[in-house]
Amino acid sequence: MATLTAPTRARAVPGHRRRAAVSRGRLPGRVLAYAFALVTFGLSVFPVYWMVRTALEPTADINHGTPTLLPTNVTGRNFVNAVHQRNFPTDLRNSLLVSLSTVVLTLLLGFLAAAALARFRFRGRSLYLVGLLVVQMIPLEALIVPVYLSLRDINGLDQFPSLIVVYLFFSLPFSIWMLRSFIVSIPDELEEQAMVDGCSRMGAFLRVLLPLISPGLVAVAVYAFIQAWSEFVFVLVIMQHSDHYTLPRWVAGFQTSKGIDWGAQMAGSALFTLPVIVFFLFVQRRITTGLAAGAVKG
């Protein structure tokens, strides 16, 4: 290997120094960026921390004590009271039924619709895509009265299928748009090669396209699950019998003759968010990959 000559070394040293100077010049900006990120993280996490802290504090300290950053006394009684709250097992079962049904239907219908929009050419396709975006702009609160009147006219109030369909309509537009972005980024030649090898059109979708967009399916599943799991207003409007409530309605029901049992309510809120957090941590890498890949092409 040839050695550097003296002029070459002389030229290399100033370049190294310039890079070092540039790095030193960028250091204050990096420190500010990290500090801003830490402050943002702290502000985001603090409400969750305060919820858990309140759930671990005795009721007497919550009602009459001076708030401190760390609880002076720790107890698990609030979690016991929350679990023994009326209708907890029933509401948990109802939430799982509604949320998982919404996820399955969203994945099935969203994948088929996204594949049709990405692979087929038909009249009104662009108008349909614009309609998906317009639907996302409508606030859910503006639809409470129309949804209630429509379900009342067809005797659909206080029915689980009605609630599942409502959540499905709210989850589908975003899910279709995201899955379409994944499918558009996949070359048509892969499916054509599968059909040359003997697959049908549907077989190429299921055997070639479906595995390639699995990160997008995971992201859509998490989105649909969170939407259905945490929604409160439509449960309150549509469901009229206490045996048909879901967990968001259960979290709002810690009212006693002496007022709100804040410790049990915070414990119930912590238990309510736990399945979402665990599921999110379990599929975090796939969600990040899916969101990044789905944003490349649209």
Protein backbone atom coordinates (compact mmCIF):
# COMPACT_ATOMS: atom_id res chain seq x y z
CA MET A 1 0.00 0.00 0.00
CA ALA A 2 1.40 3.40 -0.99
CA THR A 3 2.22 5.81 1.81
CA LEU A 4 1.01 9.39 1.86
CA THR A 5 3.54 11.94 0.74
CA ALA A 6 4.31 15.01 2.82
CA PRO A 7 2.10 17.36 0.75
CA THR A 8 -0.77 14.82 0.98
CA ARG A 9 -0.44 14.62 4.77
CA ALA A 10 -0.32 18.40 4.93
CA ARG A 11 -3.57 18.59 3.00
CA ALA A 12 -5.21 15.85 5.09
CA VAL A 13 -4.59 17.51 8.43
CA PRO A 14 -6.48 20.75 7.70
CA GLY A 15 -9.43 18.70 6.42
CA HIS A 16 -9.54 16.74 9.66
CA ARG A 17 -9.35 19.95 11.63
CA ARG A 18 -12.19 21.44 9.60
CA ARG A 19 -14.37 18.43 10.37
CA ALA A 20 -13.53 18.72 14.05
CA ALA A 21 -14.37 22.43 13.99
CA VAL A 22 -17.68 21.69 12.28
CA SER A 23 -18.47 19.07 14.94
CA ARG A 24 -17.67 21.54 17.71
CA GLY A 25 -19.87 24.12 16.00
CA ARG A 26 -22.78 21.68 15.89
CA LEU A 27 -22.41 20.69 19.56
CA PRO A 28 -24.57 23.53 21.00
CA GLY A 29 -27.34 22.73 18.55
CA ARG A 30 -27.25 19.07 19.51
CA VAL A 31 -27.35 19.92 23.21
CA LEU A 32 -30.39 22.13 22.65
CA ALA A 33 -32.09 19.42 20.59
CA TYR A 34 -31.47 16.79 23.27
CA ALA A 35 -32.65 19.15 25.99
CA PHE A 36 -35.82 19.91 24.06
CA ALA A 37 -36.39 16.19 23.50
CA LEU A 38 -35.94 15.47 27.22
CA VAL A 39 -38.36 18.25 28.21
CA THR A 40 -40.94 17.02 25.70
CA PHE A 41 -40.53 13.47 26.95
CA GLY A 42 -40.93 14.59 30.55
CA LEU A 43 -44.08 16.57 29.82
CA SER A 44 -45.53 13.59 27.96
CA VAL A 45 -44.72 11.02 30.61
CA PHE A 46 -45.56 13.10 33.68
CA PRO A 47 -49.39 12.64 33.46
CA VAL A 48 -48.90 8.88 33.24
CA TYR A 49 -46.52 8.96 36.19
CA TRP A 50 -48.98 11.04 38.24
CA MET A 51 -51.76 8.59 37.43
CA VAL A 52 -49.68 5.65 38.69
CA ARG A 53 -48.51 7.65 41.70
CA THR A 54 -52.08 8.50 42.68
CA ALA A 55 -53.12 4.88 42.20
CA LEU A 56 -50.47 3.78 44.69
CA GLU A 57 -51.37 6.36 47.35
CA PRO A 58 -53.95 5.74 50.11
CA THR A 59 -57.29 7.49 49.75
CA ALA A 60 -56.81 9.53 52.92
CA ASP A 61 -53.55 11.00 51.60
CA ILE A 62 -55.14 11.77 48.23
CA ASN A 63 -58.07 13.65 49.72
CA HIS A 64 -56.39 15.45 52.60
CA GLY A 65 -52.63 15.25 52.12
CA THR A 66 -50.35 17.75 50.40
CA PRO A 67 -49.33 16.47 46.94
CA THR A 68 -45.69 15.47 46.69
CA LEU A 69 -43.64 14.19 43.80
CA LEU A 70 -43.24 10.80 45.47
CA PRO A 71 -46.01 9.18 47.55
CA THR A 72 -45.30 9.11 51.25
CA ASN A 73 -47.30 5.90 51.68
CA VAL A 74 -47.75 3.14 49.11
CA THR A 75 -50.67 0.74 48.96
CA GLY A 76 -52.22 -1.64 46.48
CA ARG A 77 -55.70 -1.28 47.91
CA ASN A 78 -56.83 1.00 45.10
CA PHE A 79 -56.15 -1.70 42.51
CA VAL A 80 -58.14 -4.21 44.55
CA ASN A 81 -61.05 -1.77 44.78
CA ALA A 82 -60.88 -1.09 41.05
CA VAL A 83 -60.96 -4.76 40.10
CA HIS A 84 -63.88 -5.38 42.44
CA GLN A 85 -65.83 -2.51 40.96
CA ARG A 86 -69.24 -3.53 39.65
CA ASN A 87 -69.29 -5.10 36.17
CA PHE A 88 -65.51 -5.12 35.69
CA PRO A 89 -65.34 -8.67 34.24
CA THR A 90 -68.34 -7.98 32.00
CA ASP A 91 -66.96 -4.66 30.76
CA LEU A 92 -63.56 -6.23 30.12
CA ARG A 93 -65.16 -9.00 28.07
CA ASN A 94 -67.21 -6.45 26.12
CA SER A 95 -64.14 -4.31 25.39
CA LEU A 96 -62.17 -7.29 24.13
CA LEU A 97 -65.09 -8.41 21.96
CA VAL A 98 -65.64 -5.00 20.40
CA SER A 99 -61.96 -4.10 19.98
CA LEU A 100 -60.81 -7.42 18.50
CA SER A 101 -63.81 -7.58 16.17
CA THR A 102 -63.03 -4.06 14.97
CA VAL A 103 -59.39 -4.99 14.36
CA VAL A 104 -60.26 -8.11 12.36
CA LEU A 105 -62.84 -6.36 10.19
CA THR A 106 -60.57 -3.35 9.66
CA LEU A 107 -57.69 -5.54 8.50
CA LEU A 108 -59.89 -7.61 6.20
CA LEU A 109 -61.86 -4.80 4.56
CA GLY A 110 -58.96 -2.34 4.65
CA PHE A 111 -56.61 -4.75 2.86
CA LEU A 112 -59.12 -5.61 0.14
CA ALA A 113 -60.05 -1.96 -0.44
CA ALA A 114 -56.42 -0.82 -0.45
CA ALA A 115 -55.45 -3.58 -2.90
CA ALA A 116 -58.28 -2.56 -5.24
CA LEU A 117 -57.28 1.12 -5.09
CA ALA A 118 -53.60 0.35 -5.66
CA ARG A 119 -53.83 -2.32 -8.35
CA PHE A 120 -57.02 -1.66 -10.33
CA ARG A 121 -57.98 1.30 -12.51
CA PHE A 122 -61.63 2.29 -12.37
CA ARG A 123 -63.70 5.40 -12.75
CA GLY A 124 -63.93 7.57 -9.64
CA ARG A 125 -60.81 6.17 -7.97
CA SER A 126 -59.23 9.59 -7.39
CA LEU A 127 -62.52 10.94 -6.07
CA TYR A 128 -62.70 8.02 -3.67
CA LEU A 129 -59.20 8.73 -2.35
CA VAL A 130 -60.08 12.39 -1.82
CA GLY A 131 -63.22 11.27 0.00
CA LEU A 132 -61.11 9.22 2.42
CA LEU A 133 -59.14 12.32 3.33
CA VAL A 134 -62.28 14.42 3.72
CA VAL A 135 -63.82 11.86 6.07
CA GLN A 136 -60.73 12.06 8.28
CA MET A 137 -61.27 15.81 8.69
CA ILE A 138 -64.75 15.42 10.18
CA PRO A 139 -64.65 15.53 14.01
CA LEU A 140 -66.27 12.55 15.67
CA GLU A 141 -68.33 14.80 17.92
CA ALA A 142 -70.18 16.14 14.87
CA LEU A 143 -71.41 12.62 14.06
CA ILE A 144 -72.89 11.73 17.45
CA VAL A 145 -76.43 12.94 16.69
CA PRO A 146 -76.62 11.51 13.11
CA VAL A 147 -75.27 8.15 14.27
CA TYR A 148 -77.69 8.01 17.20
CA LEU A 149 -80.71 8.88 15.03
CA SER A 150 -79.72 6.39 12.33
CA LEU A 151 -79.28 3.56 14.81
CA ARG A 152 -82.50 4.46 16.57
CA ASP A 153 -84.46 4.27 13.31
CA ILE A 154 -83.19 0.76 12.58
CA ASN A 155 -83.47 -0.45 16.20
CA GLY A 156 -79.68 -0.67 16.44
CA LEU A 157 -79.20 0.96 19.82
CA ASP A 158 -77.69 -1.08 22.64
CA GLN A 159 -76.29 -3.66 20.19
CA PHE A 160 -72.67 -4.78 19.93
CA PRO A 161 -72.76 -5.08 16.11
CA SER A 162 -73.83 -1.43 15.89
CA LEU A 163 -70.90 -0.29 18.04
CA ILE A 164 -68.47 -2.44 16.05
CA VAL A 165 -69.73 -1.01 12.75
CA VAL A 166 -69.38 2.55 14.07
CA TYR A 167 -65.78 1.91 15.12
CA LEU A 168 -65.12 0.19 11.81
CA PHE A 169 -66.27 3.25 9.87
CA PHE A 170 -63.98 5.45 11.94
CA SER A 171 -60.93 3.21 11.45
CA LEU A 172 -61.29 2.27 7.80
CA PRO A 173 -60.41 5.55 6.00
CA PHE A 174 -57.00 5.92 7.62
CA SER A 175 -56.34 2.18 7.37
CA ILE A 176 -57.16 2.07 3.66
CA TRP A 177 -54.95 5.06 2.94
CA MET A 178 -52.00 3.61 4.84
CA LEU A 179 -52.26 0.12 3.36
CA ARG A 180 -52.61 1.58 -0.13
CA SER A 181 -49.28 3.37 0.39
CA PHE A 182 -47.63 0.04 1.18
CA ILE A 183 -49.14 -1.77 -1.78
CA VAL A 184 -48.24 1.00 -4.25
CA SER A 185 -44.59 0.73 -3.18
CA ILE A 186 -44.49 -2.99 -4.09
CA PRO A 187 -43.75 -3.72 -7.79
CA ASP A 188 -46.52 -5.35 -9.83
CA GLU A 189 -44.00 -7.78 -11.30
CA LEU A 190 -43.91 -9.81 -8.10
CA GLU A 191 -47.59 -10.65 -8.34
CA GLU A 192 -47.36 -11.20 -12.10
CA GLN A 193 -44.53 -13.68 -11.59
CA ALA A 194 -46.63 -15.54 -9.01
CA MET A 195 -49.54 -15.73 -11.47
CA VAL A 196 -47.18 -17.02 -14.17
CA ASP A 197 -46.18 -19.77 -11.74
CA GLY A 198 -49.82 -20.79 -11.34
CA CYS A 199 -51.31 -18.54 -8.66
CA SER A 200 -54.65 -16.89 -9.17
CA ARG A 201 -55.08 -13.17 -8.68
CA MET A 202 -56.35 -13.68 -5.14
CA GLY A 203 -53.61 -16.23 -4.49
CA ALA A 204 -50.97 -13.70 -5.54
CA PHE A 205 -52.53 -11.18 -3.17
CA LEU A 206 -52.49 -13.61 -0.26
CA ARG A 207 -49.15 -15.34 -0.87
CA VAL A 208 -47.03 -12.47 -2.19
CA LEU A 209 -48.62 -9.15 -1.32
CA LEU A 210 -49.92 -9.96 2.16
CA PRO A 211 -46.53 -10.98 3.69
CA LEU A 212 -44.80 -7.93 2.21
CA ILE A 213 -47.20 -5.47 3.81
CA SER A 214 -47.22 -7.14 7.22
CA PRO A 215 -45.63 -4.06 8.91
CA GLY A 216 -48.49 -1.96 7.59
CA LEU A 217 -51.04 -4.48 8.80
CA VAL A 218 -49.50 -4.38 12.27
CA ALA A 219 -49.62 -0.58 12.34
CA VAL A 220 -53.26 -0.59 11.19
CA ALA A 221 -54.15 -3.24 13.77
CA VAL A 222 -52.69 -1.15 16.59
CA TYR A 223 -54.46 1.97 15.34
CA ALA A 224 -57.82 0.22 15.11
CA PHE A 225 -57.35 -1.43 18.50
CA ILE A 226 -56.56 1.86 20.25
CA GLN A 227 -59.50 3.57 18.56
CA ALA A 228 -61.97 0.91 19.67
CA TRP A 229 -60.42 0.24 23.08
CA SER A 230 -60.32 3.85 24.32
CA GLU A 231 -63.47 5.35 22.74
CA PHE A 232 -65.97 6.61 25.32
CA VAL A 233 -68.56 8.95 23.78
CA PHE A 234 -70.28 6.51 21.43
CA VAL A 235 -70.38 3.82 24.11
CA LEU A 236 -72.19 6.29 26.33
CA VAL A 237 -74.63 7.23 23.54
CA ILE A 238 -75.28 3.87 21.87
CA MET A 239 -75.14 1.45 24.79
CA GLN A 240 -78.02 1.88 27.23
CA HIS A 241 -77.76 -1.21 29.45
CA SER A 242 -74.98 -1.53 32.02
CA ASP A 243 -74.22 -5.09 30.92
CA HIS A 244 -73.28 -3.73 27.48
CA TYR A 245 -70.80 -1.10 28.64
CA THR A 246 -67.10 -1.29 27.83
CA LEU A 247 -64.08 -0.40 29.97
CA PRO A 248 -64.04 3.35 29.20
CA ARG A 249 -67.52 3.56 30.72
CA TRP A 250 -66.26 1.49 33.67
CA VAL A 251 -63.37 3.91 34.29
CA ALA A 252 -65.85 6.80 34.49
CA GLY A 253 -68.03 5.04 37.09
CA PHE A 254 -66.04 5.41 40.32
CA GLN A 255 -68.62 7.66 41.95
CA THR A 256 -69.47 6.96 45.60
CA SER A 257 -71.73 8.63 48.16
CA LYS A 258 -68.68 10.57 49.40
CA GLY A 259 -67.60 11.70 45.96
CA ILE A 260 -65.21 10.29 43.38
CA ASP A 261 -62.84 7.57 44.54
CA TRP A 262 -59.76 9.07 42.87
CA GLY A 263 -57.38 6.34 43.97
CA ALA A 264 -59.52 3.54 42.55
CA GLN A 265 -60.22 5.55 39.40
CA MET A 266 -56.51 6.14 38.77
CA ALA A 267 -55.85 2.46 39.46
CA GLY A 268 -58.58 1.55 36.98
CA SER A 269 -57.09 3.94 34.43
CA ALA A 270 -53.67 2.32 34.87
CA LEU A 271 -55.17 -1.13 34.38
CA PHE A 272 -57.12 0.16 31.38
CA THR A 273 -54.00 1.47 29.61
CA LEU A 274 -51.84 -1.55 30.45
CA PRO A 275 -52.99 -3.83 27.56
CA VAL A 276 -52.36 -1.09 25.00
CA ILE A 277 -48.89 -0.35 26.38
CA VAL A 278 -47.90 -4.02 26.45
CA PHE A 279 -49.18 -4.62 22.94
CA PHE A 280 -47.45 -1.48 21.66
CA LEU A 281 -44.11 -2.47 23.20
CA PHE A 282 -44.46 -5.95 21.76
CA VAL A 283 -44.89 -4.71 18.17
CA GLN A 284 -43.01 -1.40 18.45
CA ARG A 285 -40.34 -2.26 15.89
CA ARG A 286 -42.85 -3.37 13.29
CA ILE A 287 -44.96 -0.25 13.87
CA THR A 288 -41.96 2.05 13.36
CA THR A 289 -40.94 0.19 10.21
CA GLY A 290 -44.50 0.22 8.92
CA LEU A 291 -45.08 3.93 9.46
CA ALA A 292 -41.73 4.85 7.87
CA ALA A 293 -42.25 2.61 4.84
CA GLY A 294 -45.85 3.64 4.36
CA ALA A 295 -44.90 7.31 4.26
CA VAL A 296 -42.48 6.87 1.35
CA LYS A 297 -45.04 6.65 -1.43
CA GLY A 298 -48.70 7.54 -1.48
